[in-house]
Amino acid sequence: MTDILVYALHYRGAFNKNSLGAVSEAARLAGELGGEADAVVVGDVGDDLAASLGSYGARKVYRAAAPEGLAQPVVDVMAAVMTDHDVRYALFGGGLLGFEIGAGLAARLGAGVTMEVTAVNVEDGALAAERPILGDSSISTSRYRGRGIIIARLNAFEIRERGEGPATVEDVEVELSPFSTQATMVRRGEQRGADVNIEDADVLVAGGRGLGRAEGFQLAEELATALGGAVAATRAVVDAGWYPYAAQIGQTGKTVAPKLYLAAGISGAIQHKVGMQGSENIVAINKDANAPIFEFSDLGVVGDLNKILPKLTAAVKARKGR
């Protein structure tokens, strides 16, 4: 039992970003274990779309006729595939649905489960999952006696196209449990109350208490619009009612990894850092030269953001010719 199974969530003809990251990570780990990385898809998934997971390292894609976007039917399908093919590990890319499916799958199979995982390694021919604990001040490592269910934090795994051919697609028939068909999808949304999915944004302009008041977020919104990005926020300003919770980054919010993360008026406490430290480029603007965020920023600007943000927005617009 050295194979790894990944659930690949799809929506409107495309796979979820975190699912692709999980497939990529599973392929890497399976290679080290001497096994294979396979995927499960449910619902209306065409041959070409399913087979495209091969580009990210999946060798086989199991496709089942079951409701997409609901947890219990996927638990039925994954439990059947893991049992029939003697698969030891299941890997999820995170998100609310991933947490629900992973927990249900662990209960169904009597497997060990670790949530909020930020890294997975191969140790002595088996997987070991790492997750932050104690307010992200320490790391706990989980190992599994039998089957292991690993559920990552959002954006924990990097998407890697491996240049391999299409995956083999195999249709499987799974008898759904009676309770699995009781729920129906009423309305589906990817972002719980926000117009923009910050988890998939390539550019984020994040605002903190340094913006001074709720109206200060207009500066962040104008810059984000100019850059073609989205706006994020810290817990402090969300708690203060300055910005919606859907935009919150950090330990009690969301984890993001954009190409550019511009932090305006954010001190950089550890609780916020864990939600954005995977960003490709971090630019910080803060009037406090000793702010912790400068310690892990690629570029730091000390100054008044109320003067800097408008000028930066104007410069971006001028560069774009509008």
C-alpha atoms as a PDB file:
ATOM      1  CA  MET A   1       0.000   0.000   0.000  1.00  0.00           C
ATOM      2  CA  THR A   2       2.030   2.936  -1.280  1.00  0.00           C
ATOM      3  CA  ASP A   3      -0.497   4.622  -3.586  1.00  0.00           C
ATOM      4  CA  ILE A   4      -2.123   8.006  -2.911  1.00  0.00           C
ATOM      5  CA  LEU A   5      -5.654   9.005  -3.893  1.00  0.00           C
ATOM      6  CA  VAL A   6      -6.710  12.635  -4.409  1.00  0.00           C
ATOM      7  CA  TYR A   7     -10.190  14.078  -4.721  1.00  0.00           C
ATOM      8  CA  ALA A   8     -10.257  16.583  -7.596  1.00  0.00           C
ATOM      9  CA  LEU A   9     -13.017  19.156  -7.211  1.00  0.00           C
ATOM     10  CA  HIS A  10     -14.277  20.728 -10.431  1.00  0.00           C
ATOM     11  CA  TYR A  11     -16.537  23.659 -11.175  1.00  0.00           C
ATOM     12  CA  ARG A  12     -17.695  25.045 -14.505  1.00  0.00           C
ATOM     13  CA  GLY A  13     -15.355  22.906 -16.560  1.00  0.00           C
ATOM     14  CA  ALA A  14     -12.177  23.493 -14.576  1.00  0.00           C
ATOM     15  CA  PHE A  15     -10.470  21.885 -11.617  1.00  0.00           C
ATOM     16  CA  ASN A  16     -10.065  23.703  -8.338  1.00  0.00           C
ATOM     17  CA  LYS A  17      -6.619  25.258  -7.828  1.00  0.00           C
ATOM     18  CA  ASN A  18      -6.048  23.449  -4.528  1.00  0.00           C
ATOM     19  CA  SER A  19      -7.053  20.121  -6.058  1.00  0.00           C
ATOM     20  CA  LEU A  20      -4.393  20.540  -8.733  1.00  0.00           C
ATOM     21  CA  GLY A  21      -1.860  21.336  -6.032  1.00  0.00           C
ATOM     22  CA  ALA A  22      -2.857  18.173  -4.170  1.00  0.00           C
ATOM     23  CA  VAL A  23      -2.492  16.049  -7.317  1.00  0.00           C
ATOM     24  CA  SER A  24       0.964  17.546  -7.923  1.00  0.00           C
ATOM     25  CA  GLU A  25       2.028  16.873  -4.336  1.00  0.00           C
ATOM     26  CA  ALA A  26       0.619  13.336  -4.407  1.00  0.00           C
ATOM     27  CA  ALA A  27       2.604  12.596  -7.561  1.00  0.00           C
ATOM     28  CA  ARG A  28       5.803  13.816  -5.921  1.00  0.00           C
ATOM     29  CA  LEU A  29       5.234  11.783  -2.777  1.00  0.00           C
ATOM     30  CA  ALA A  30       4.109   8.666  -4.629  1.00  0.00           C
ATOM     31  CA  GLY A  31       7.291   8.801  -6.676  1.00  0.00           C
ATOM     32  CA  GLU A  32       9.345   8.740  -3.491  1.00  0.00           C
ATOM     33  CA  LEU A  33       7.243   5.906  -2.077  1.00  0.00           C
ATOM     34  CA  GLY A  34       7.464   3.829  -5.241  1.00  0.00           C
ATOM     35  CA  GLY A  35       3.708   3.995  -5.783  1.00  0.00           C
ATOM     36  CA  GLU A  36       1.236   5.902  -7.942  1.00  0.00           C
ATOM     37  CA  ALA A  37      -0.911   8.986  -7.542  1.00  0.00           C
ATOM     38  CA  ASP A  38      -4.502   8.571  -8.682  1.00  0.00           C
ATOM     39  CA  ALA A  39      -7.526  10.864  -8.558  1.00  0.00           C
ATOM     40  CA  VAL A  40     -11.266  10.631  -8.047  1.00  0.00           C
ATOM     41  CA  VAL A  41     -13.772  12.846  -9.853  1.00  0.00           C
ATOM     42  CA  VAL A  42     -17.537  12.723  -9.558  1.00  0.00           C
ATOM     43  CA  GLY A  43     -20.332  14.172 -11.621  1.00  0.00           C
ATOM     44  CA  ASP A  44     -20.249  15.513 -15.163  1.00  0.00           C
ATOM     45  CA  VAL A  45     -16.565  15.376 -16.108  1.00  0.00           C
ATOM     46  CA  GLY A  46     -15.630  14.878 -19.743  1.00  0.00           C
ATOM     47  CA  ASP A  47     -12.885  12.514 -20.868  1.00  0.00           C
ATOM     48  CA  ASP A  48     -10.485  15.302 -21.825  1.00  0.00           C
ATOM     49  CA  LEU A  49     -10.939  17.206 -18.573  1.00  0.00           C
ATOM     50  CA  ALA A  50     -10.494  14.088 -16.448  1.00  0.00           C
ATOM     51  CA  ALA A  51      -7.470  12.939 -18.436  1.00  0.00           C
ATOM     52  CA  SER A  52      -5.863  16.387 -18.087  1.00  0.00           C
ATOM     53  CA  LEU A  53      -4.995  15.507 -14.478  1.00  0.00           C
ATOM     54  CA  GLY A  54      -2.217  13.427 -15.987  1.00  0.00           C
ATOM     55  CA  SER A  55      -0.360  16.682 -16.658  1.00  0.00           C
ATOM     56  CA  TYR A  56      -0.064  17.124 -12.897  1.00  0.00           C
ATOM     57  CA  GLY A  57       1.051  13.562 -12.219  1.00  0.00           C
ATOM     58  CA  ALA A  58      -2.117  11.493 -11.872  1.00  0.00           C
ATOM     59  CA  ARG A  59      -1.719   8.061 -13.489  1.00  0.00           C
ATOM     60  CA  LYS A  60      -5.392   7.061 -13.316  1.00  0.00           C
ATOM     61  CA  VAL A  61      -8.618   8.985 -12.763  1.00  0.00           C
ATOM     62  CA  TYR A  62     -11.588   7.139 -11.280  1.00  0.00           C
ATOM     63  CA  ARG A  63     -14.829   8.744 -12.456  1.00  0.00           C
ATOM     64  CA  ALA A  64     -18.127   8.076 -10.715  1.00  0.00           C
ATOM     65  CA  ALA A  65     -21.693   9.145 -11.386  1.00  0.00           C
ATOM     66  CA  ALA A  66     -22.478  10.957  -8.145  1.00  0.00           C
ATOM     67  CA  PRO A  67     -23.579  14.450  -7.081  1.00  0.00           C
ATOM     68  CA  GLU A  68     -20.689  16.910  -7.280  1.00  0.00           C
ATOM     69  CA  GLY A  69     -20.120  19.399  -4.489  1.00  0.00           C
ATOM     70  CA  LEU A  70     -21.615  17.224  -1.727  1.00  0.00           C
ATOM     71  CA  ALA A  71     -19.444  15.386   0.772  1.00  0.00           C
ATOM     72  CA  GLN A  72     -21.136  12.068   1.490  1.00  0.00           C
ATOM     73  CA  PRO A  73     -21.347  10.741  -2.101  1.00  0.00           C
ATOM     74  CA  VAL A  74     -17.613  11.432  -2.486  1.00  0.00           C
ATOM     75  CA  VAL A  75     -16.917   9.586   0.775  1.00  0.00           C
ATOM     76  CA  ASP A  76     -18.746   6.562  -0.665  1.00  0.00           C
ATOM     77  CA  VAL A  77     -16.743   6.691  -3.898  1.00  0.00           C
ATOM     78  CA  MET A  78     -13.334   7.223  -2.298  1.00  0.00           C
ATOM     79  CA  ALA A  79     -13.924   4.546   0.349  1.00  0.00           C
ATOM     80  CA  ALA A  80     -14.816   2.049  -2.373  1.00  0.00           C
ATOM     81  CA  VAL A  81     -11.789   2.906  -4.520  1.00  0.00           C
ATOM     82  CA  MET A  82      -9.371   2.812  -1.589  1.00  0.00           C
ATOM     83  CA  THR A  83     -10.740  -0.535  -0.409  1.00  0.00           C
ATOM     84  CA  ASP A  84     -10.916  -2.182  -3.834  1.00  0.00           C
ATOM     85  CA  HIS A  85      -7.424  -1.032  -4.872  1.00  0.00           C
ATOM     86  CA  ASP A  86      -5.699  -1.224  -1.485  1.00  0.00           C
ATOM     87  CA  VAL A  87      -4.806   2.477  -1.422  1.00  0.00           C
ATOM     88  CA  ARG A  88      -3.125   3.592   1.778  1.00  0.00           C
ATOM     89  CA  TYR A  89      -3.340   7.391   1.659  1.00  0.00           C
ATOM     90  CA  ALA A  90      -5.851  10.044   0.643  1.00  0.00           C
ATOM     91  CA  LEU A  91      -4.725  13.629   0.126  1.00  0.00           C
ATOM     92  CA  PHE A  92      -6.957  16.712   0.008  1.00  0.00           C
ATOM     93  CA  GLY A  93      -6.094  20.245  -1.016  1.00  0.00           C
ATOM     94  CA  GLY A  94      -8.080  21.863   1.784  1.00  0.00           C
ATOM     95  CA  GLY A  95     -11.252  23.909   1.869  1.00  0.00           C
ATOM     96  CA  LEU A  96     -14.509  23.225   3.700  1.00  0.00           C
ATOM     97  CA  LEU A  97     -15.571  20.407   1.368  1.00  0.00           C
ATOM     98  CA  GLY A  98     -12.170  18.739   1.650  1.00  0.00           C
ATOM     99  CA  PHE A  99     -12.364  18.846   5.447  1.00  0.00           C
ATOM    100  CA  GLU A 100     -15.833  17.302   5.454  1.00  0.00           C
ATOM    101  CA  ILE A 101     -14.974  14.546   2.975  1.00  0.00           C
ATOM    102  CA  GLY A 102     -11.665  13.758   4.659  1.00  0.00           C
ATOM    103  CA  ALA A 103     -13.224  13.480   8.105  1.00  0.00           C
ATOM    104  CA  GLY A 104     -16.013  11.270   6.809  1.00  0.00           C
ATOM    105  CA  LEU A 105     -13.564   9.077   4.916  1.00  0.00           C
ATOM    106  CA  ALA A 106     -11.378   8.636   7.993  1.00  0.00           C
ATOM    107  CA  ALA A 107     -14.398   7.560  10.032  1.00  0.00           C
ATOM    108  CA  ARG A 108     -15.569   5.177   7.298  1.00  0.00           C
ATOM    109  CA  LEU A 109     -12.187   3.457   6.924  1.00  0.00           C
ATOM    110  CA  GLY A 110     -10.989   3.706  10.509  1.00  0.00           C
ATOM    111  CA  ALA A 111      -8.007   5.681   9.269  1.00  0.00           C
ATOM    112  CA  GLY A 112      -5.827   8.286  10.927  1.00  0.00           C
ATOM    113  CA  VAL A 113      -6.518  11.861   9.895  1.00  0.00           C
ATOM    114  CA  THR A 114      -4.534  15.105  10.072  1.00  0.00           C
ATOM    115  CA  MET A 115      -6.016  18.483   9.191  1.00  0.00           C
ATOM    116  CA  GLU A 116      -4.478  21.890   8.412  1.00  0.00           C
ATOM    117  CA  VAL A 117      -1.367  20.175   7.038  1.00  0.00           C
ATOM    118  CA  THR A 118       1.297  22.489   5.630  1.00  0.00           C
ATOM    119  CA  ALA A 119       3.910  19.921   4.533  1.00  0.00           C
ATOM    120  CA  VAL A 120       4.152  16.193   3.839  1.00  0.00           C
ATOM    121  CA  ASN A 121       7.378  14.178   3.787  1.00  0.00           C
ATOM    122  CA  VAL A 122       8.413  10.584   3.187  1.00  0.00           C
ATOM    123  CA  GLU A 123      10.070   8.997   6.224  1.00  0.00           C
ATOM    124  CA  ASP A 124      11.107   5.339   6.356  1.00  0.00           C
ATOM    125  CA  GLY A 125       8.880   4.436   3.423  1.00  0.00           C
ATOM    126  CA  ALA A 126       5.755   6.108   4.796  1.00  0.00           C
ATOM    127  CA  LEU A 127       4.145   9.544   4.817  1.00  0.00           C
ATOM    128  CA  ALA A 128       4.548  11.986   7.689  1.00  0.00           C
ATOM    129  CA  ALA A 129       2.308  15.062   7.780  1.00  0.00           C
ATOM    130  CA  GLU A 130       3.248  18.335   9.459  1.00  0.00           C
ATOM    131  CA  ARG A 131       0.776  20.827  10.881  1.00  0.00           C
ATOM    132  CA  PRO A 132       1.245  23.972  12.992  1.00  0.00           C
ATOM    133  CA  ILE A 133       0.003  23.850  16.596  1.00  0.00           C
ATOM    134  CA  LEU A 134      -0.098  26.148  19.639  1.00  0.00           C
ATOM    135  CA  GLY A 135      -1.024  29.214  17.658  1.00  0.00           C
ATOM    136  CA  ASP A 136       1.376  28.243  14.878  1.00  0.00           C
ATOM    137  CA  SER A 137       4.312  28.520  17.258  1.00  0.00           C
ATOM    138  CA  SER A 138       5.313  24.856  16.878  1.00  0.00           C
ATOM    139  CA  ILE A 139       5.004  21.988  14.400  1.00  0.00           C
ATOM    140  CA  SER A 140       3.377  18.614  15.072  1.00  0.00           C
ATOM    141  CA  THR A 141       4.221  15.588  12.904  1.00  0.00           C
ATOM    142  CA  SER A 142       1.639  12.845  12.299  1.00  0.00           C
ATOM    143  CA  ARG A 143       2.489   9.292  11.246  1.00  0.00           C
ATOM    144  CA  TYR A 144       0.023   6.536  10.418  1.00  0.00           C
ATOM    145  CA  ARG A 145      -0.122   2.913  11.524  1.00  0.00           C
ATOM    146  CA  GLY A 146      -2.516   2.002   8.725  1.00  0.00           C
ATOM    147  CA  ARG A 147      -4.348   4.228   6.297  1.00  0.00           C
ATOM    148  CA  GLY A 148      -3.796   7.974   6.505  1.00  0.00           C
ATOM    149  CA  ILE A 149      -6.081  10.839   5.484  1.00  0.00           C
ATOM    150  CA  ILE A 150      -4.177  14.101   4.978  1.00  0.00           C
ATOM    151  CA  ILE A 151      -6.073  17.366   4.592  1.00  0.00           C
ATOM    152  CA  ALA A 152      -3.976  20.405   3.751  1.00  0.00           C
ATOM    153  CA  ARG A 153      -4.385  24.049   4.484  1.00  0.00           C
ATOM    154  CA  LEU A 154      -5.523  26.025   1.470  1.00  0.00           C
ATOM    155  CA  ASN A 155      -2.669  26.765  -0.928  1.00  0.00           C
ATOM    156  CA  ALA A 156      -0.250  24.555   1.003  1.00  0.00           C
ATOM    157  CA  PHE A 157       0.782  22.638  -2.121  1.00  0.00           C
ATOM    158  CA  GLU A 158       2.360  24.109  -5.230  1.00  0.00           C
ATOM    159  CA  ILE A 159       0.829  23.300  -8.601  1.00  0.00           C
ATOM    160  CA  ARG A 160       3.414  21.601 -10.821  1.00  0.00           C
ATOM    161  CA  GLU A 161       2.828  20.537 -14.406  1.00  0.00           C
ATOM    162  CA  ARG A 162       5.022  17.498 -14.939  1.00  0.00           C
ATOM    163  CA  GLY A 163       4.898  17.334 -18.719  1.00  0.00           C
ATOM    164  CA  GLU A 164       3.427  13.859 -18.685  1.00  0.00           C
ATOM    165  CA  GLY A 165       0.718  12.462 -20.932  1.00  0.00           C
ATOM    166  CA  PRO A 166      -3.001  12.198 -20.187  1.00  0.00           C
ATOM    167  CA  ALA A 167      -4.197  10.040 -17.324  1.00  0.00           C
ATOM    168  CA  THR A 168      -6.172   6.861 -17.898  1.00  0.00           C
ATOM    169  CA  VAL A 169      -9.856   7.413 -17.132  1.00  0.00           C
ATOM    170  CA  GLU A 170     -11.767   4.527 -15.556  1.00  0.00           C
ATOM    171  CA  ASP A 171     -15.488   4.686 -14.824  1.00  0.00           C
ATOM    172  CA  VAL A 172     -16.475   3.076 -11.534  1.00  0.00           C
ATOM    173  CA  GLU A 173     -19.916   2.122 -10.295  1.00  0.00           C
ATOM    174  CA  VAL A 174     -20.434   2.742  -6.615  1.00  0.00           C
ATOM    175  CA  GLU A 175     -23.652   2.102  -4.731  1.00  0.00           C
ATOM    176  CA  LEU A 176     -24.272   5.225  -2.701  1.00  0.00           C
ATOM    177  CA  SER A 177     -25.337   4.886   0.908  1.00  0.00           C
ATOM    178  CA  PRO A 178     -29.017   5.779   1.526  1.00  0.00           C
ATOM    179  CA  PHE A 179     -28.049   8.797   3.633  1.00  0.00           C
ATOM    180  CA  SER A 180     -25.657  10.044   0.963  1.00  0.00           C
ATOM    181  CA  THR A 181     -28.506  11.004  -1.349  1.00  0.00           C
ATOM    182  CA  GLN A 182     -30.606  12.869   1.230  1.00  0.00           C
ATOM    183  CA  ALA A 183     -28.941  16.253   0.674  1.00  0.00           C
ATOM    184  CA  THR A 184     -29.362  18.223  -2.536  1.00  0.00           C
ATOM    185  CA  MET A 185     -27.424  21.188  -3.863  1.00  0.00           C
ATOM    186  CA  VAL A 186     -29.514  24.351  -3.654  1.00  0.00           C
ATOM    187  CA  ARG A 187     -26.924  26.943  -4.640  1.00  0.00           C
ATOM    188  CA  ARG A 188     -23.183  26.702  -5.139  1.00  0.00           C
ATOM    189  CA  GLY A 189     -20.662  29.452  -4.587  1.00  0.00           C
ATOM    190  CA  GLU A 190     -16.885  29.342  -4.404  1.00  0.00           C
ATOM    191  CA  GLN A 191     -16.396  32.254  -2.035  1.00  0.00           C
ATOM    192  CA  ARG A 192     -18.965  32.505   0.777  1.00  0.00           C
ATOM    193  CA  GLY A 193     -20.048  36.125   0.595  1.00  0.00           C
ATOM    194  CA  ALA A 194     -17.430  37.818  -1.568  1.00  0.00           C
ATOM    195  CA  ASP A 195     -17.380  38.733  -5.217  1.00  0.00           C
ATOM    196  CA  VAL A 196     -13.725  37.764  -5.724  1.00  0.00           C
ATOM    197  CA  ASN A 197     -12.050  34.518  -4.707  1.00  0.00           C
ATOM    198  CA  ILE A 198      -8.956  35.768  -2.881  1.00  0.00           C
ATOM    199  CA  GLU A 199      -7.592  32.228  -2.651  1.00  0.00           C
ATOM    200  CA  ASP A 200      -7.101  32.129  -6.427  1.00  0.00           C
ATOM    201  CA  ALA A 201      -6.050  35.752  -6.975  1.00  0.00           C
ATOM    202  CA  ASP A 202      -2.574  36.353  -8.417  1.00  0.00           C
ATOM    203  CA  VAL A 203      -2.399  39.818  -6.845  1.00  0.00           C
ATOM    204  CA  LEU A 204      -3.669  40.783  -3.398  1.00  0.00           C
ATOM    205  CA  VAL A 205      -3.653  44.190  -1.742  1.00  0.00           C
ATOM    206  CA  ALA A 206      -4.149  43.535   1.958  1.00  0.00           C
ATOM    207  CA  GLY A 207      -5.116  46.199   4.455  1.00  0.00           C
ATOM    208  CA  GLY A 208      -4.532  46.351   8.187  1.00  0.00           C
ATOM    209  CA  ARG A 209      -5.212  48.736  11.053  1.00  0.00           C
ATOM    210  CA  GLY A 210      -2.764  51.175   9.505  1.00  0.00           C
ATOM    211  CA  LEU A 211      -5.504  52.184   7.069  1.00  0.00           C
ATOM    212  CA  GLY A 212      -7.063  53.975  10.027  1.00  0.00           C
ATOM    213  CA  ARG A 213     -10.763  53.399   9.309  1.00  0.00           C
ATOM    214  CA  ALA A 214     -13.127  51.448   7.096  1.00  0.00           C
ATOM    215  CA  GLU A 215     -13.076  54.201   4.470  1.00  0.00           C
ATOM    216  CA  GLY A 216      -9.329  53.696   4.178  1.00  0.00           C
ATOM    217  CA  PHE A 217      -9.979  50.457   2.309  1.00  0.00           C
ATOM    218  CA  GLN A 218     -11.010  52.530  -0.694  1.00  0.00           C
ATOM    219  CA  LEU A 219      -7.284  53.158  -1.243  1.00  0.00           C
ATOM    220  CA  ALA A 220      -6.618  49.404  -1.210  1.00  0.00           C
ATOM    221  CA  GLU A 221      -9.548  48.742  -3.550  1.00  0.00           C
ATOM    222  CA  GLU A 222      -8.397  51.351  -6.056  1.00  0.00           C
ATOM    223  CA  LEU A 223      -4.882  49.902  -6.122  1.00  0.00           C
ATOM    224  CA  ALA A 224      -6.168  46.339  -6.397  1.00  0.00           C
ATOM    225  CA  THR A 225      -8.374  47.343  -9.329  1.00  0.00           C
ATOM    226  CA  ALA A 226      -5.448  49.005 -11.074  1.00  0.00           C
ATOM    227  CA  LEU A 227      -3.301  45.901 -10.564  1.00  0.00           C
ATOM    228  CA  GLY A 228      -6.084  43.536 -11.621  1.00  0.00           C
ATOM    229  CA  GLY A 229      -6.150  41.924  -8.188  1.00  0.00           C
ATOM    230  CA  ALA A 230      -8.338  41.589  -5.108  1.00  0.00           C
ATOM    231  CA  VAL A 231      -8.453  43.038  -1.601  1.00  0.00           C
ATOM    232  CA  ALA A 232      -7.690  41.114   1.581  1.00  0.00           C
ATOM    233  CA  ALA A 233      -7.717  42.087   5.238  1.00  0.00           C
ATOM    234  CA  THR A 234      -6.358  41.234   8.671  1.00  0.00           C
ATOM    235  CA  ARG A 235      -8.417  39.827  11.523  1.00  0.00           C
ATOM    236  CA  ALA A 236      -8.229  43.091  13.456  1.00  0.00           C
ATOM    237  CA  VAL A 237      -9.989  45.107  10.755  1.00  0.00           C
ATOM    238  CA  VAL A 238     -12.529  42.340  10.111  1.00  0.00           C
ATOM    239  CA  ASP A 239     -13.336  42.216  13.836  1.00  0.00           C
ATOM    240  CA  ALA A 240     -13.706  45.985  13.766  1.00  0.00           C
ATOM    241  CA  GLY A 241     -16.254  45.682  10.967  1.00  0.00           C
ATOM    242  CA  TRP A 242     -14.124  47.492   8.413  1.00  0.00           C
ATOM    243  CA  TYR A 243     -14.128  44.653   5.863  1.00  0.00           C
ATOM    244  CA  PRO A 244     -15.985  41.326   5.296  1.00  0.00           C
ATOM    245  CA  TYR A 245     -14.755  38.109   6.890  1.00  0.00           C
ATOM    246  CA  ALA A 246     -14.532  36.474   3.451  1.00  0.00           C
ATOM    247  CA  ALA A 247     -11.408  38.579   2.858  1.00  0.00           C
ATOM    248  CA  GLN A 248      -9.652  37.692   6.115  1.00  0.00           C
ATOM    249  CA  ILE A 249      -6.123  36.268   5.898  1.00  0.00           C
ATOM    250  CA  GLY A 250      -4.384  34.397   8.683  1.00  0.00           C
ATOM    251  CA  GLN A 251      -4.672  31.679  11.272  1.00  0.00           C
ATOM    252  CA  THR A 252      -8.431  32.167  11.702  1.00  0.00           C
ATOM    253  CA  GLY A 253      -8.984  33.221   8.103  1.00  0.00           C
ATOM    254  CA  LYS A 254      -7.691  31.990   4.767  1.00  0.00           C
ATOM    255  CA  THR A 255      -4.321  30.927   3.470  1.00  0.00           C
ATOM    256  CA  VAL A 256      -3.202  32.503   0.199  1.00  0.00           C
ATOM    257  CA  ALA A 257      -0.191  32.300  -2.071  1.00  0.00           C
ATOM    258  CA  PRO A 258      -0.499  34.986  -4.780  1.00  0.00           C
ATOM    259  CA  LYS A 259       2.290  36.098  -7.064  1.00  0.00           C
ATOM    260  CA  LEU A 260       2.193  39.503  -5.372  1.00  0.00           C
ATOM    261  CA  TYR A 261       1.033  40.245  -1.828  1.00  0.00           C
ATOM    262  CA  LEU A 262       1.055  43.945  -1.010  1.00  0.00           C
ATOM    263  CA  ALA A 263       0.535  44.558   2.706  1.00  0.00           C
ATOM    264  CA  ALA A 264      -0.625  48.060   3.588  1.00  0.00           C
ATOM    265  CA  GLY A 265      -0.559  49.014   7.244  1.00  0.00           C
ATOM    266  CA  ILE A 266      -0.116  45.446   8.490  1.00  0.00           C
ATOM    267  CA  SER A 267       2.241  44.804  11.386  1.00  0.00           C
ATOM    268  CA  GLY A 268       2.908  41.181  10.442  1.00  0.00           C
ATOM    269  CA  ALA A 269       1.983  39.210  13.573  1.00  0.00           C
ATOM    270  CA  ILE A 270       2.588  35.457  13.391  1.00  0.00           C
ATOM    271  CA  GLN A 271      -1.163  34.809  13.144  1.00  0.00           C
ATOM    272  CA  HIS A 272      -1.264  36.810   9.913  1.00  0.00           C
ATOM    273  CA  LYS A 273       2.061  35.554   8.600  1.00  0.00           C
ATOM    274  CA  VAL A 274       0.935  31.909   8.484  1.00  0.00           C
ATOM    275  CA  GLY A 275      -1.830  32.874   6.075  1.00  0.00           C
ATOM    276  CA  MET A 276       0.327  34.590   3.455  1.00  0.00           C
ATOM    277  CA  GLN A 277       3.967  33.594   3.897  1.00  0.00           C
ATOM    278  CA  GLY A 278       3.771  31.358   0.815  1.00  0.00           C
ATOM    279  CA  SER A 279       3.289  34.394  -1.442  1.00  0.00           C
ATOM    280  CA  GLU A 280       5.799  34.623  -4.287  1.00  0.00           C
ATOM    281  CA  ASN A 281       6.566  38.312  -3.694  1.00  0.00           C
ATOM    282  CA  ILE A 282       5.724  40.238  -0.524  1.00  0.00           C
ATOM    283  CA  VAL A 283       5.749  44.046  -0.508  1.00  0.00           C
ATOM    284  CA  ALA A 284       5.034  45.848   2.756  1.00  0.00           C
ATOM    285  CA  ILE A 285       4.163  49.492   3.383  1.00  0.00           C
ATOM    286  CA  ASN A 286       4.213  50.608   7.014  1.00  0.00           C
ATOM    287  CA  LYS A 287       5.141  53.787   8.858  1.00  0.00           C
ATOM    288  CA  ASP A 288       6.785  51.737  11.625  1.00  0.00           C
ATOM    289  CA  ALA A 289      10.297  50.782  10.507  1.00  0.00           C
ATOM    290  CA  ASN A 290      10.363  48.083  13.189  1.00  0.00           C
ATOM    291  CA  ALA A 291       7.174  46.336  12.084  1.00  0.00           C
ATOM    292  CA  PRO A 292       7.679  42.522  12.087  1.00  0.00           C
ATOM    293  CA  ILE A 293       6.381  42.229   8.529  1.00  0.00           C
ATOM    294  CA  PHE A 294       9.586  43.771   7.180  1.00  0.00           C
ATOM    295  CA  GLU A 295      11.502  40.745   8.453  1.00  0.00           C
ATOM    296  CA  PHE A 296       9.933  38.462   5.825  1.00  0.00           C
ATOM    297  CA  SER A 297       9.103  40.941   3.049  1.00  0.00           C
ATOM    298  CA  ASP A 298      10.903  41.015  -0.293  1.00  0.00           C
ATOM    299  CA  LEU A 299      10.504  44.795  -0.408  1.00  0.00           C
ATOM    300  CA  GLY A 300       9.687  47.128   2.445  1.00  0.00           C
ATOM    301  CA  VAL A 301       8.603  50.757   2.215  1.00  0.00           C
ATOM    302  CA  VAL A 302       8.601  52.912   5.353  1.00  0.00           C
ATOM    303  CA  GLY A 303       6.158  55.756   5.023  1.00  0.00           C
ATOM    304  CA  ASP A 304       2.596  57.067   5.133  1.00  0.00           C
ATOM    305  CA  LEU A 305       0.425  54.668   3.149  1.00  0.00           C
ATOM    306  CA  ASN A 306      -2.246  57.356   2.753  1.00  0.00           C
ATOM    307  CA  LYS A 307       0.242  59.210   0.547  1.00  0.00           C
ATOM    308  CA  ILE A 308       1.971  56.193  -0.997  1.00  0.00           C
ATOM    309  CA  LEU A 309      -1.074  54.149  -2.127  1.00  0.00           C
ATOM    310  CA  PRO A 310      -2.671  56.911  -4.269  1.00  0.00           C
ATOM    311  CA  LYS A 311       0.652  57.631  -5.958  1.00  0.00           C
ATOM    312  CA  LEU A 312       1.264  53.951  -6.559  1.00  0.00           C
ATOM    313  CA  THR A 313      -2.216  53.567  -8.023  1.00  0.00           C
ATOM    314  CA  ALA A 314      -1.636  56.521 -10.331  1.00  0.00           C
ATOM    315  CA  ALA A 315       1.726  55.107 -11.410  1.00  0.00           C
ATOM    316  CA  VAL A 316       0.199  51.704 -12.220  1.00  0.00           C
ATOM    317  CA  LYS A 317      -2.590  53.298 -14.245  1.00  0.00           C
ATOM    318  CA  ALA A 318      -0.085  55.482 -16.119  1.00  0.00           C
ATOM    319  CA  ARG A 319       2.050  52.428 -16.889  1.00  0.00           C
ATOM    320  CA  LYS A 320      -1.003  50.669 -18.269  1.00  0.00           C
ATOM    321  CA  GLY A 321      -1.975  53.738 -20.259  1.00  0.00           C
ATOM    322  CA  ARG A 322      -5.251  54.460 -18.572  1.00  0.00           C
END
